[in-house]
Amino acid sequence: MNTNVPGLLLLILMAYLTACASSSPNCTSLPGGGRYCLQATTLAPAFEVQQQVAVRFRDQQETMIASVENDAQQLDFVGLTPFGQKLIHMRYDNQTAIALQSPDQRIQPAMMLALLQLALWPAEAVQQGLDDDSLVSTQSHERSITHRGKLVMQIHYEQPDIPGADMQISLPEASLHLNIKRLESASEEATHE
């Protein structure tokens, strides 16, 4: 892992994903094909989660902390370095996806938030957001997004019924792999003792 330049890999990744973005502020092209338009936050249960995200992009690795919150009004995503420095802050208020803080103005909020929804929203809601040539399929602990039969995104859930629980996400066309671990809050740790 490159610890001398925290977040550098994430910036490279975000720039790569920006190349896939579309002109609509709430819709985005997906790496590998297809298109996704953000869906209402009310289509997923309300939740708040902090996660450790190990990112592998091509042959580089980086770690970040993600804070994700969803309620009836908005989906909020904050990405931090392991030392707590805020790198990125994106929000979707059911009308517009915006970047409240971004290391690069070319980064499209819809792309970052679409990745969250593709992994965390119910399959029926995800399918509504996908174009006609794309399909979401879910089996047990797995979800896949395909476009014209080609794999775009693969997700493996450790606990599929818990939003934000441990999962692994792969976007083969982007050479991107995410290993996501839920961070327990102090109150959750106290209940385990």
N, C-alpha and C. Protein backbone atom coordinates (compact mmCIF):
# COMPACT_ATOMS: atom_id res chain seq x y z
N MET A 1 0.84 -1.18 0.00
CA MET A 1 0.00 0.00 0.00
C MET A 1 0.88 1.24 0.00
N ASN A 2 0.49 2.23 -0.73
CA ASN A 2 1.24 3.48 -0.81
C ASN A 2 0.80 4.37 0.34
N THR A 3 1.61 4.45 1.39
CA THR A 3 1.23 5.27 2.54
C THR A 3 1.83 6.67 2.46
N ASN A 4 2.70 6.92 1.50
CA ASN A 4 3.30 8.25 1.38
C ASN A 4 2.35 9.26 0.78
N VAL A 5 1.44 8.80 -0.05
CA VAL A 5 0.49 9.70 -0.70
C VAL A 5 -0.92 9.16 -0.48
N PRO A 6 -1.50 9.36 0.72
CA PRO A 6 -2.81 8.81 0.99
C PRO A 6 -3.85 9.38 0.02
N GLY A 7 -4.68 8.50 -0.47
CA GLY A 7 -5.76 8.93 -1.35
C GLY A 7 -5.38 9.05 -2.81
N LEU A 8 -4.10 8.91 -3.17
CA LEU A 8 -3.71 9.07 -4.57
C LEU A 8 -4.41 8.06 -5.45
N LEU A 9 -4.46 6.81 -5.02
CA LEU A 9 -5.15 5.79 -5.79
C LEU A 9 -6.62 6.14 -5.95
N LEU A 10 -7.22 6.64 -4.89
CA LEU A 10 -8.63 7.01 -4.98
C LEU A 10 -8.85 8.12 -5.98
N LEU A 11 -7.94 9.06 -6.05
CA LEU A 11 -8.06 10.13 -7.04
C LEU A 11 -7.94 9.59 -8.46
N ILE A 12 -7.01 8.66 -8.66
CA ILE A 12 -6.86 8.04 -9.98
C ILE A 12 -8.13 7.29 -10.34
N LEU A 13 -8.65 6.52 -9.38
CA LEU A 13 -9.87 5.76 -9.59
C LEU A 13 -11.03 6.68 -9.94
N MET A 14 -11.18 7.75 -9.19
CA MET A 14 -12.28 8.68 -9.43
C MET A 14 -12.18 9.31 -10.81
N ALA A 15 -10.97 9.64 -11.22
CA ALA A 15 -10.78 10.20 -12.56
C ALA A 15 -11.15 9.17 -13.63
N TYR A 16 -10.81 7.90 -13.40
CA TYR A 16 -11.17 6.84 -14.34
C TYR A 16 -12.68 6.71 -14.44
N LEU A 17 -13.35 6.68 -13.28
CA LEU A 17 -14.80 6.54 -13.28
C LEU A 17 -15.49 7.75 -13.89
N THR A 18 -14.89 8.90 -13.78
CA THR A 18 -15.44 10.10 -14.38
C THR A 18 -15.54 9.96 -15.89
N ALA A 19 -14.60 9.26 -16.49
CA ALA A 19 -14.63 9.05 -17.93
C ALA A 19 -15.87 8.29 -18.36
N CYS A 20 -16.49 7.56 -17.42
CA CYS A 20 -17.69 6.78 -17.73
C CYS A 20 -18.96 7.58 -17.49
N ALA A 21 -18.85 8.76 -16.93
CA ALA A 21 -20.03 9.52 -16.55
C ALA A 21 -20.76 10.07 -17.77
N SER A 22 -22.05 10.32 -17.57
CA SER A 22 -22.88 10.84 -18.66
C SER A 22 -23.20 12.31 -18.42
N SER A 23 -23.94 12.89 -19.33
CA SER A 23 -24.24 14.31 -19.21
C SER A 23 -25.40 14.59 -18.24
N SER A 24 -26.24 13.61 -17.94
CA SER A 24 -27.33 13.80 -17.01
C SER A 24 -26.78 13.79 -15.58
N PRO A 25 -27.17 14.75 -14.74
CA PRO A 25 -26.58 14.82 -13.40
C PRO A 25 -26.96 13.65 -12.49
N ASN A 26 -28.05 12.94 -12.78
CA ASN A 26 -28.48 11.84 -11.93
C ASN A 26 -28.35 10.48 -12.58
N CYS A 27 -27.78 10.42 -13.77
CA CYS A 27 -27.56 9.17 -14.49
C CYS A 27 -26.09 9.07 -14.88
N THR A 28 -25.62 7.83 -15.02
CA THR A 28 -24.22 7.63 -15.35
C THR A 28 -24.06 6.37 -16.20
N SER A 29 -23.06 6.39 -17.05
CA SER A 29 -22.67 5.19 -17.78
C SER A 29 -21.80 4.36 -16.85
N LEU A 30 -21.95 3.05 -16.94
CA LEU A 30 -21.21 2.15 -16.06
C LEU A 30 -19.99 1.59 -16.78
N PRO A 31 -18.88 1.41 -16.06
CA PRO A 31 -17.70 0.78 -16.68
C PRO A 31 -18.08 -0.63 -17.13
N GLY A 32 -17.89 -0.92 -18.39
CA GLY A 32 -18.26 -2.22 -18.92
C GLY A 32 -19.56 -2.21 -19.70
N GLY A 33 -20.27 -1.08 -19.65
CA GLY A 33 -21.49 -0.95 -20.43
C GLY A 33 -22.72 -0.76 -19.57
N GLY A 34 -23.70 -0.17 -20.15
CA GLY A 34 -24.96 0.08 -19.45
C GLY A 34 -25.01 1.46 -18.85
N ARG A 35 -26.17 1.77 -18.33
CA ARG A 35 -26.44 3.08 -17.76
C ARG A 35 -27.30 2.88 -16.52
N TYR A 36 -27.06 3.73 -15.53
CA TYR A 36 -27.85 3.66 -14.30
C TYR A 36 -28.26 5.07 -13.90
N CYS A 37 -29.55 5.22 -13.55
CA CYS A 37 -30.07 6.48 -13.03
C CYS A 37 -30.40 6.29 -11.55
N LEU A 38 -29.96 7.24 -10.74
CA LEU A 38 -30.18 7.16 -9.29
C LEU A 38 -31.66 7.02 -8.97
N GLN A 39 -31.94 6.20 -7.98
CA GLN A 39 -33.30 5.92 -7.54
C GLN A 39 -33.57 6.62 -6.21
N ALA A 40 -34.84 6.73 -5.87
CA ALA A 40 -35.25 7.42 -4.64
C ALA A 40 -34.65 6.76 -3.41
N THR A 41 -34.29 7.56 -2.44
CA THR A 41 -33.71 7.04 -1.21
C THR A 41 -34.74 6.26 -0.40
N THR A 42 -36.02 6.51 -0.64
CA THR A 42 -37.07 5.80 0.09
C THR A 42 -37.21 4.34 -0.37
N LEU A 43 -36.57 3.96 -1.47
CA LEU A 43 -36.64 2.58 -1.96
C LEU A 43 -35.72 1.64 -1.21
N ALA A 44 -34.85 2.19 -0.37
CA ALA A 44 -33.97 1.38 0.47
C ALA A 44 -34.26 1.73 1.94
N PRO A 45 -34.00 0.81 2.84
CA PRO A 45 -34.23 1.14 4.26
C PRO A 45 -33.28 2.23 4.73
N ALA A 46 -33.73 2.98 5.72
CA ALA A 46 -32.85 3.98 6.32
C ALA A 46 -31.72 3.25 7.06
N PHE A 47 -30.50 3.75 6.91
CA PHE A 47 -29.36 3.16 7.59
C PHE A 47 -28.23 4.17 7.66
N GLU A 48 -27.31 3.90 8.57
CA GLU A 48 -26.07 4.68 8.70
C GLU A 48 -24.97 3.68 9.00
N VAL A 49 -23.86 3.77 8.26
CA VAL A 49 -22.79 2.80 8.43
C VAL A 49 -21.44 3.45 8.17
N GLN A 50 -20.45 3.02 8.94
CA GLN A 50 -19.07 3.40 8.69
C GLN A 50 -18.35 2.12 8.26
N GLN A 51 -17.52 2.26 7.22
CA GLN A 51 -16.87 1.09 6.64
C GLN A 51 -15.41 1.38 6.36
N GLN A 52 -14.60 0.32 6.44
CA GLN A 52 -13.23 0.37 5.95
C GLN A 52 -13.28 -0.21 4.54
N VAL A 53 -12.76 0.54 3.58
CA VAL A 53 -12.81 0.13 2.18
C VAL A 53 -11.38 -0.05 1.67
N ALA A 54 -11.04 -1.30 1.37
CA ALA A 54 -9.74 -1.59 0.75
C ALA A 54 -9.97 -1.60 -0.75
N VAL A 55 -9.31 -0.68 -1.44
CA VAL A 55 -9.49 -0.49 -2.88
C VAL A 55 -8.28 -1.06 -3.61
N ARG A 56 -8.54 -1.92 -4.58
CA ARG A 56 -7.48 -2.38 -5.46
C ARG A 56 -7.86 -1.97 -6.88
N PHE A 57 -7.05 -1.11 -7.47
CA PHE A 57 -7.28 -0.59 -8.81
C PHE A 57 -6.06 -0.91 -9.65
N ARG A 58 -6.27 -1.82 -10.59
CA ARG A 58 -5.16 -2.38 -11.37
C ARG A 58 -4.14 -2.98 -10.42
N ASP A 59 -2.92 -2.48 -10.33
CA ASP A 59 -1.92 -3.07 -9.45
C ASP A 59 -1.63 -2.21 -8.22
N GLN A 60 -2.51 -1.26 -7.93
CA GLN A 60 -2.30 -0.40 -6.77
C GLN A 60 -3.38 -0.67 -5.72
N GLN A 61 -3.04 -0.40 -4.46
CA GLN A 61 -3.98 -0.60 -3.36
C GLN A 61 -3.99 0.63 -2.46
N GLU A 62 -5.14 0.87 -1.89
CA GLU A 62 -5.31 1.99 -0.97
C GLU A 62 -6.45 1.65 -0.03
N THR A 63 -6.49 2.29 1.11
CA THR A 63 -7.56 2.09 2.08
C THR A 63 -8.19 3.44 2.41
N MET A 64 -9.50 3.42 2.56
CA MET A 64 -10.21 4.62 2.98
C MET A 64 -11.30 4.23 3.97
N ILE A 65 -11.82 5.21 4.66
CA ILE A 65 -12.96 5.04 5.55
C ILE A 65 -14.14 5.71 4.87
N ALA A 66 -15.26 4.99 4.81
CA ALA A 66 -16.47 5.54 4.19
C ALA A 66 -17.56 5.66 5.24
N SER A 67 -18.26 6.77 5.19
CA SER A 67 -19.45 6.97 6.01
C SER A 67 -20.62 7.12 5.05
N VAL A 68 -21.59 6.23 5.19
CA VAL A 68 -22.75 6.24 4.29
C VAL A 68 -24.00 6.35 5.13
N GLU A 69 -24.87 7.28 4.77
CA GLU A 69 -26.13 7.45 5.48
C GLU A 69 -27.25 7.60 4.47
N ASN A 70 -28.32 6.84 4.69
CA ASN A 70 -29.49 6.94 3.82
C ASN A 70 -30.73 7.12 4.68
N ASP A 71 -31.57 8.07 4.29
CA ASP A 71 -32.87 8.25 4.93
C ASP A 71 -33.85 8.73 3.86
N ALA A 72 -35.05 9.06 4.23
CA ALA A 72 -36.08 9.44 3.25
C ALA A 72 -35.70 10.70 2.48
N GLN A 73 -34.86 11.56 3.06
CA GLN A 73 -34.51 12.82 2.42
C GLN A 73 -33.29 12.73 1.51
N GLN A 74 -32.29 11.88 1.87
CA GLN A 74 -31.04 11.93 1.11
C GLN A 74 -30.17 10.70 1.33
N LEU A 75 -29.26 10.52 0.39
CA LEU A 75 -28.16 9.56 0.50
C LEU A 75 -26.90 10.40 0.61
N ASP A 76 -26.11 10.14 1.64
CA ASP A 76 -24.92 10.94 1.91
C ASP A 76 -23.71 10.02 1.99
N PHE A 77 -22.64 10.35 1.26
CA PHE A 77 -21.42 9.56 1.25
C PHE A 77 -20.23 10.47 1.53
N VAL A 78 -19.42 10.09 2.53
CA VAL A 78 -18.20 10.82 2.85
C VAL A 78 -17.05 9.80 2.82
N GLY A 79 -15.99 10.12 2.08
CA GLY A 79 -14.79 9.29 2.03
C GLY A 79 -13.65 9.98 2.73
N LEU A 80 -13.01 9.26 3.66
CA LEU A 80 -11.93 9.82 4.48
C LEU A 80 -10.67 8.98 4.32
N THR A 81 -9.52 9.61 4.52
CA THR A 81 -8.28 8.85 4.61
C THR A 81 -8.32 8.07 5.92
N PRO A 82 -7.46 7.06 6.10
CA PRO A 82 -7.43 6.35 7.38
C PRO A 82 -7.12 7.25 8.58
N PHE A 83 -6.55 8.43 8.31
CA PHE A 83 -6.23 9.38 9.39
C PHE A 83 -7.35 10.40 9.61
N GLY A 84 -8.47 10.26 8.88
CA GLY A 84 -9.63 11.12 9.10
C GLY A 84 -9.73 12.35 8.23
N GLN A 85 -8.82 12.53 7.28
CA GLN A 85 -8.90 13.69 6.38
C GLN A 85 -9.98 13.43 5.34
N LYS A 86 -10.93 14.36 5.21
CA LYS A 86 -12.03 14.20 4.26
C LYS A 86 -11.51 14.37 2.84
N LEU A 87 -11.75 13.34 2.01
CA LEU A 87 -11.37 13.39 0.60
C LEU A 87 -12.53 13.82 -0.29
N ILE A 88 -13.70 13.30 0.04
CA ILE A 88 -14.83 13.48 -0.86
C ILE A 88 -16.13 13.44 -0.06
N HIS A 89 -17.11 14.24 -0.50
CA HIS A 89 -18.42 14.25 0.13
C HIS A 89 -19.45 14.43 -0.98
N MET A 90 -20.27 13.40 -1.18
CA MET A 90 -21.30 13.41 -2.22
C MET A 90 -22.67 13.23 -1.57
N ARG A 91 -23.69 13.83 -2.20
CA ARG A 91 -25.04 13.75 -1.66
C ARG A 91 -26.06 13.68 -2.80
N TYR A 92 -27.10 12.89 -2.56
CA TYR A 92 -28.25 12.82 -3.47
C TYR A 92 -29.49 13.10 -2.65
N ASP A 93 -30.23 14.16 -2.99
CA ASP A 93 -31.40 14.57 -2.21
C ASP A 93 -32.72 14.18 -2.88
N ASN A 94 -32.69 13.13 -3.67
CA ASN A 94 -33.83 12.63 -4.44
C ASN A 94 -34.18 13.49 -5.64
N GLN A 95 -33.41 14.53 -5.87
CA GLN A 95 -33.59 15.36 -7.05
C GLN A 95 -32.28 15.57 -7.79
N THR A 96 -31.21 15.82 -7.04
CA THR A 96 -29.93 16.15 -7.66
C THR A 96 -28.79 15.50 -6.90
N ALA A 97 -27.85 14.96 -7.66
CA ALA A 97 -26.61 14.45 -7.08
C ALA A 97 -25.58 15.57 -7.12
N ILE A 98 -24.98 15.86 -5.97
CA ILE A 98 -24.01 16.97 -5.90
C ILE A 98 -22.76 16.54 -5.15
N ALA A 99 -21.68 17.23 -5.45
CA ALA A 99 -20.42 17.05 -4.72
C ALA A 99 -20.28 18.23 -3.77
N LEU A 100 -20.33 17.96 -2.48
CA LEU A 100 -20.13 19.01 -1.48
C LEU A 100 -18.64 19.26 -1.28
N GLN A 101 -17.84 18.21 -1.48
CA GLN A 101 -16.38 18.32 -1.47
C GLN A 101 -15.85 17.26 -2.41
N SER A 102 -14.95 17.69 -3.29
CA SER A 102 -14.38 16.76 -4.25
C SER A 102 -12.95 17.19 -4.56
N PRO A 103 -12.03 16.22 -4.67
CA PRO A 103 -10.65 16.57 -4.99
C PRO A 103 -10.47 16.97 -6.45
N ASP A 104 -11.49 16.72 -7.26
CA ASP A 104 -11.40 17.01 -8.69
C ASP A 104 -12.81 17.31 -9.21
N GLN A 105 -12.99 18.46 -9.84
CA GLN A 105 -14.32 18.86 -10.32
C GLN A 105 -14.84 17.95 -11.43
N ARG A 106 -13.97 17.15 -12.04
CA ARG A 106 -14.42 16.25 -13.09
C ARG A 106 -15.13 15.02 -12.54
N ILE A 107 -15.00 14.78 -11.25
CA ILE A 107 -15.65 13.61 -10.65
C ILE A 107 -17.15 13.83 -10.61
N GLN A 108 -17.88 12.88 -11.19
CA GLN A 108 -19.33 12.99 -11.27
C GLN A 108 -19.97 12.34 -10.04
N PRO A 109 -20.72 13.10 -9.26
CA PRO A 109 -21.37 12.53 -8.08
C PRO A 109 -22.28 11.34 -8.41
N ALA A 110 -22.96 11.39 -9.54
CA ALA A 110 -23.87 10.30 -9.90
C ALA A 110 -23.14 8.97 -9.99
N MET A 111 -21.91 8.95 -10.48
CA MET A 111 -21.17 7.69 -10.60
C MET A 111 -20.85 7.11 -9.23
N MET A 112 -20.34 7.93 -8.34
CA MET A 112 -19.98 7.45 -7.00
C MET A 112 -21.23 6.95 -6.26
N LEU A 113 -22.31 7.71 -6.34
CA LEU A 113 -23.53 7.33 -5.64
C LEU A 113 -24.22 6.14 -6.31
N ALA A 114 -24.08 6.01 -7.62
CA ALA A 114 -24.64 4.85 -8.33
C ALA A 114 -23.99 3.57 -7.84
N LEU A 115 -22.68 3.57 -7.61
CA LEU A 115 -22.00 2.37 -7.11
C LEU A 115 -22.58 1.95 -5.75
N LEU A 116 -22.90 2.93 -4.91
CA LEU A 116 -23.52 2.63 -3.62
C LEU A 116 -24.90 2.00 -3.81
N GLN A 117 -25.71 2.63 -4.66
CA GLN A 117 -27.07 2.11 -4.86
C GLN A 117 -27.05 0.73 -5.51
N LEU A 118 -26.17 0.51 -6.49
CA LEU A 118 -26.10 -0.79 -7.14
C LEU A 118 -25.80 -1.89 -6.14
N ALA A 119 -25.03 -1.59 -5.10
CA ALA A 119 -24.67 -2.58 -4.10
C ALA A 119 -25.67 -2.65 -2.95
N LEU A 120 -26.29 -1.54 -2.59
CA LEU A 120 -27.07 -1.48 -1.35
C LEU A 120 -28.58 -1.41 -1.51
N TRP A 121 -29.07 -1.00 -2.67
CA TRP A 121 -30.52 -0.87 -2.86
C TRP A 121 -31.12 -2.24 -3.17
N PRO A 122 -32.40 -2.44 -2.88
CA PRO A 122 -33.05 -3.70 -3.26
C PRO A 122 -32.95 -3.93 -4.77
N ALA A 123 -32.89 -5.20 -5.16
CA ALA A 123 -32.71 -5.56 -6.57
C ALA A 123 -33.78 -4.93 -7.47
N GLU A 124 -35.01 -4.87 -7.01
CA GLU A 124 -36.10 -4.30 -7.83
C GLU A 124 -35.84 -2.82 -8.11
N ALA A 125 -35.36 -2.09 -7.12
CA ALA A 125 -35.05 -0.66 -7.29
C ALA A 125 -33.86 -0.49 -8.24
N VAL A 126 -32.85 -1.35 -8.10
CA VAL A 126 -31.69 -1.27 -8.99
C VAL A 126 -32.12 -1.51 -10.43
N GLN A 127 -32.97 -2.52 -10.64
CA GLN A 127 -33.42 -2.82 -12.01
C GLN A 127 -34.14 -1.63 -12.62
N GLN A 128 -34.93 -0.92 -11.82
CA GLN A 128 -35.63 0.27 -12.31
C GLN A 128 -34.66 1.33 -12.80
N GLY A 129 -33.50 1.41 -12.17
CA GLY A 129 -32.52 2.43 -12.54
C GLY A 129 -31.64 2.05 -13.72
N LEU A 130 -31.61 0.76 -14.05
CA LEU A 130 -30.76 0.30 -15.16
C LEU A 130 -31.44 0.51 -16.50
N ASP A 131 -30.64 0.63 -17.56
CA ASP A 131 -31.19 0.74 -18.91
C ASP A 131 -31.80 -0.60 -19.32
N ASP A 132 -32.52 -0.62 -20.45
CA ASP A 132 -33.24 -1.81 -20.91
C ASP A 132 -32.33 -2.99 -21.25
N ASP A 133 -31.07 -2.74 -21.59
CA ASP A 133 -30.14 -3.81 -21.96
C ASP A 133 -29.35 -4.36 -20.78
N SER A 134 -29.66 -3.88 -19.57
CA SER A 134 -28.93 -4.30 -18.37
C SER A 134 -29.86 -5.06 -17.43
N LEU A 135 -29.26 -5.94 -16.65
CA LEU A 135 -30.04 -6.81 -15.78
C LEU A 135 -29.32 -6.98 -14.45
N VAL A 136 -30.09 -6.94 -13.36
CA VAL A 136 -29.56 -7.27 -12.03
C VAL A 136 -30.09 -8.65 -11.67
N SER A 137 -29.23 -9.50 -11.17
CA SER A 137 -29.68 -10.81 -10.68
C SER A 137 -29.05 -11.05 -9.32
N THR A 138 -29.87 -11.62 -8.43
CA THR A 138 -29.44 -11.86 -7.06
C THR A 138 -29.70 -13.31 -6.71
N GLN A 139 -28.70 -13.97 -6.14
CA GLN A 139 -28.82 -15.34 -5.66
C GLN A 139 -28.11 -15.42 -4.32
N SER A 140 -28.84 -15.78 -3.28
CA SER A 140 -28.26 -15.99 -1.96
C SER A 140 -27.38 -14.81 -1.55
N HIS A 141 -26.06 -14.96 -1.56
CA HIS A 141 -25.13 -13.93 -1.11
C HIS A 141 -24.47 -13.20 -2.27
N GLU A 142 -25.00 -13.33 -3.47
CA GLU A 142 -24.37 -12.74 -4.66
C GLU A 142 -25.35 -11.83 -5.41
N ARG A 143 -24.80 -10.79 -5.99
CA ARG A 143 -25.56 -9.94 -6.92
C ARG A 143 -24.66 -9.66 -8.11
N SER A 144 -25.23 -9.71 -9.30
CA SER A 144 -24.46 -9.34 -10.48
C SER A 144 -25.27 -8.38 -11.34
N ILE A 145 -24.55 -7.46 -11.96
CA ILE A 145 -25.13 -6.52 -12.92
C ILE A 145 -24.50 -6.88 -14.26
N THR A 146 -25.33 -7.14 -15.25
CA THR A 146 -24.83 -7.46 -16.59
C THR A 146 -25.42 -6.48 -17.60
N HIS A 147 -24.69 -6.28 -18.66
CA HIS A 147 -25.15 -5.46 -19.78
C HIS A 147 -24.97 -6.28 -21.05
N ARG A 148 -26.09 -6.60 -21.69
CA ARG A 148 -26.08 -7.44 -22.89
C ARG A 148 -25.32 -8.74 -22.64
N GLY A 149 -25.52 -9.32 -21.46
CA GLY A 149 -24.91 -10.59 -21.10
C GLY A 149 -23.48 -10.51 -20.57
N LYS A 150 -22.88 -9.33 -20.59
CA LYS A 150 -21.50 -9.15 -20.13
C LYS A 150 -21.51 -8.63 -18.69
N LEU A 151 -20.68 -9.25 -17.82
CA LEU A 151 -20.62 -8.86 -16.42
C LEU A 151 -20.06 -7.45 -16.27
N VAL A 152 -20.80 -6.59 -15.58
CA VAL A 152 -20.39 -5.21 -15.31
C VAL A 152 -19.93 -5.07 -13.86
N MET A 153 -20.68 -5.72 -12.95
CA MET A 153 -20.41 -5.57 -11.52
C MET A 153 -20.82 -6.85 -10.80
N GLN A 154 -19.96 -7.31 -9.91
CA GLN A 154 -20.25 -8.51 -9.10
C GLN A 154 -20.11 -8.12 -7.64
N ILE A 155 -21.08 -8.51 -6.82
CA ILE A 155 -21.05 -8.20 -5.39
C ILE A 155 -21.26 -9.49 -4.61
N HIS A 156 -20.42 -9.72 -3.62
CA HIS A 156 -20.61 -10.85 -2.70
C HIS A 156 -20.86 -10.25 -1.31
N TYR A 157 -21.99 -10.64 -0.71
CA TYR A 157 -22.37 -10.13 0.61
C TYR A 157 -22.11 -11.19 1.67
N GLU A 158 -21.50 -10.79 2.77
CA GLU A 158 -21.35 -11.70 3.90
C GLU A 158 -22.69 -11.89 4.61
N GLN A 159 -23.45 -10.79 4.76
CA GLN A 159 -24.78 -10.81 5.38
C GLN A 159 -25.71 -9.96 4.51
N PRO A 160 -26.37 -10.58 3.52
CA PRO A 160 -27.13 -9.80 2.55
C PRO A 160 -28.29 -8.99 3.11
N ASP A 161 -28.80 -9.34 4.29
CA ASP A 161 -29.95 -8.63 4.84
C ASP A 161 -29.58 -7.40 5.67
N ILE A 162 -28.27 -7.14 5.82
CA ILE A 162 -27.84 -6.00 6.63
C ILE A 162 -27.17 -4.97 5.71
N PRO A 163 -27.81 -3.79 5.52
CA PRO A 163 -27.19 -2.78 4.65
C PRO A 163 -25.82 -2.36 5.18
N GLY A 164 -24.84 -2.36 4.31
CA GLY A 164 -23.51 -1.92 4.68
C GLY A 164 -22.67 -2.96 5.38
N ALA A 165 -23.18 -4.21 5.48
CA ALA A 165 -22.38 -5.28 6.09
C ALA A 165 -21.20 -5.59 5.16
N ASP A 166 -20.31 -6.44 5.63
CA ASP A 166 -19.11 -6.79 4.85
C ASP A 166 -19.50 -7.29 3.46
N MET A 167 -18.75 -6.82 2.45
CA MET A 167 -19.00 -7.24 1.07
C MET A 167 -17.75 -7.05 0.24
N GLN A 168 -17.72 -7.74 -0.88
CA GLN A 168 -16.66 -7.56 -1.87
C GLN A 168 -17.34 -7.17 -3.19
N ILE A 169 -16.80 -6.14 -3.83
CA ILE A 169 -17.35 -5.64 -5.09
C ILE A 169 -16.26 -5.68 -6.14
N SER A 170 -16.63 -6.15 -7.32
CA SER A 170 -15.69 -6.20 -8.43
C SER A 170 -16.33 -5.57 -9.66
N LEU A 171 -15.58 -4.68 -10.31
CA LEU A 171 -15.96 -4.12 -11.61
C LEU A 171 -14.86 -4.52 -12.58
N PRO A 172 -15.01 -5.67 -13.26
CA PRO A 172 -13.93 -6.22 -14.07
C PRO A 172 -13.41 -5.28 -15.15
N GLU A 173 -14.29 -4.58 -15.84
CA GLU A 173 -13.86 -3.70 -16.93
C GLU A 173 -12.97 -2.57 -16.43
N ALA A 174 -13.21 -2.14 -15.20
CA ALA A 174 -12.43 -1.06 -14.60
C ALA A 174 -11.22 -1.58 -13.83
N SER A 175 -11.05 -2.90 -13.77
CA SER A 175 -9.97 -3.51 -12.96
C SER A 175 -10.03 -3.00 -11.53
N LEU A 176 -11.25 -2.92 -11.00
CA LEU A 176 -11.49 -2.36 -9.68
C LEU A 176 -12.09 -3.41 -8.77
N HIS A 177 -11.50 -3.55 -7.58
CA HIS A 177 -12.00 -4.49 -6.57
C HIS A 177 -12.05 -3.77 -5.23
N LEU A 178 -13.17 -3.89 -4.55
CA LEU A 178 -13.36 -3.27 -3.25
C LEU A 178 -13.65 -4.35 -2.22
N ASN A 179 -12.93 -4.33 -1.12
CA ASN A 179 -13.20 -5.22 0.00
C ASN A 179 -13.67 -4.33 1.13
N ILE A 180 -14.94 -4.46 1.49
CA ILE A 180 -15.58 -3.52 2.41
C ILE A 180 -15.91 -4.22 3.72
N LYS A 181 -15.45 -3.64 4.80
CA LYS A 181 -15.70 -4.17 6.15
C LYS A 181 -16.42 -3.13 6.97
N ARG A 182 -17.50 -3.54 7.59
CA ARG A 182 -18.27 -2.64 8.46
C ARG A 182 -17.46 -2.36 9.72
N LEU A 183 -17.40 -1.10 10.10
CA LEU A 183 -16.75 -0.71 11.37
C LEU A 183 -17.83 -0.61 12.43
N GLU A 184 -17.63 -1.28 13.55
CA GLU A 184 -18.62 -1.24 14.62
C GLU A 184 -18.51 0.07 15.38
N SER A 185 -19.67 0.61 15.75
CA SER A 185 -19.68 1.82 16.58
C SER A 185 -19.40 1.42 18.02
N ALA A 186 -19.13 2.41 18.85
CA ALA A 186 -18.85 2.14 20.27
C ALA A 186 -20.05 1.46 20.93
N SER A 187 -21.28 1.83 20.57
CA SER A 187 -22.46 1.20 21.19
C SER A 187 -22.59 -0.25 20.74
N GLU A 188 -22.24 -0.57 19.47
CA GLU A 188 -22.30 -1.95 18.99
C GLU A 188 -21.23 -2.79 19.70
N GLU A 189 -20.05 -2.23 19.90
CA GLU A 189 -18.99 -2.96 20.59
C GLU A 189 -19.38 -3.26 22.03
N ALA A 190 -20.07 -2.34 22.69
CA ALA A 190 -20.48 -2.52 24.08
C ALA A 190 -21.49 -3.65 24.19
N THR A 191 -22.37 -3.82 23.21
CA THR A 191 -23.37 -4.89 23.28
C THR A 191 -22.75 -6.26 23.06
N HIS A 192 -21.56 -6.33 22.46
CA HIS A 192 -20.88 -7.61 22.23
C HIS A 192 -20.08 -8.06 23.44
N GLU A 193 -19.87 -7.17 24.40
CA GLU A 193 -19.04 -7.51 25.58
C GLU A 193 -19.84 -8.24 26.62
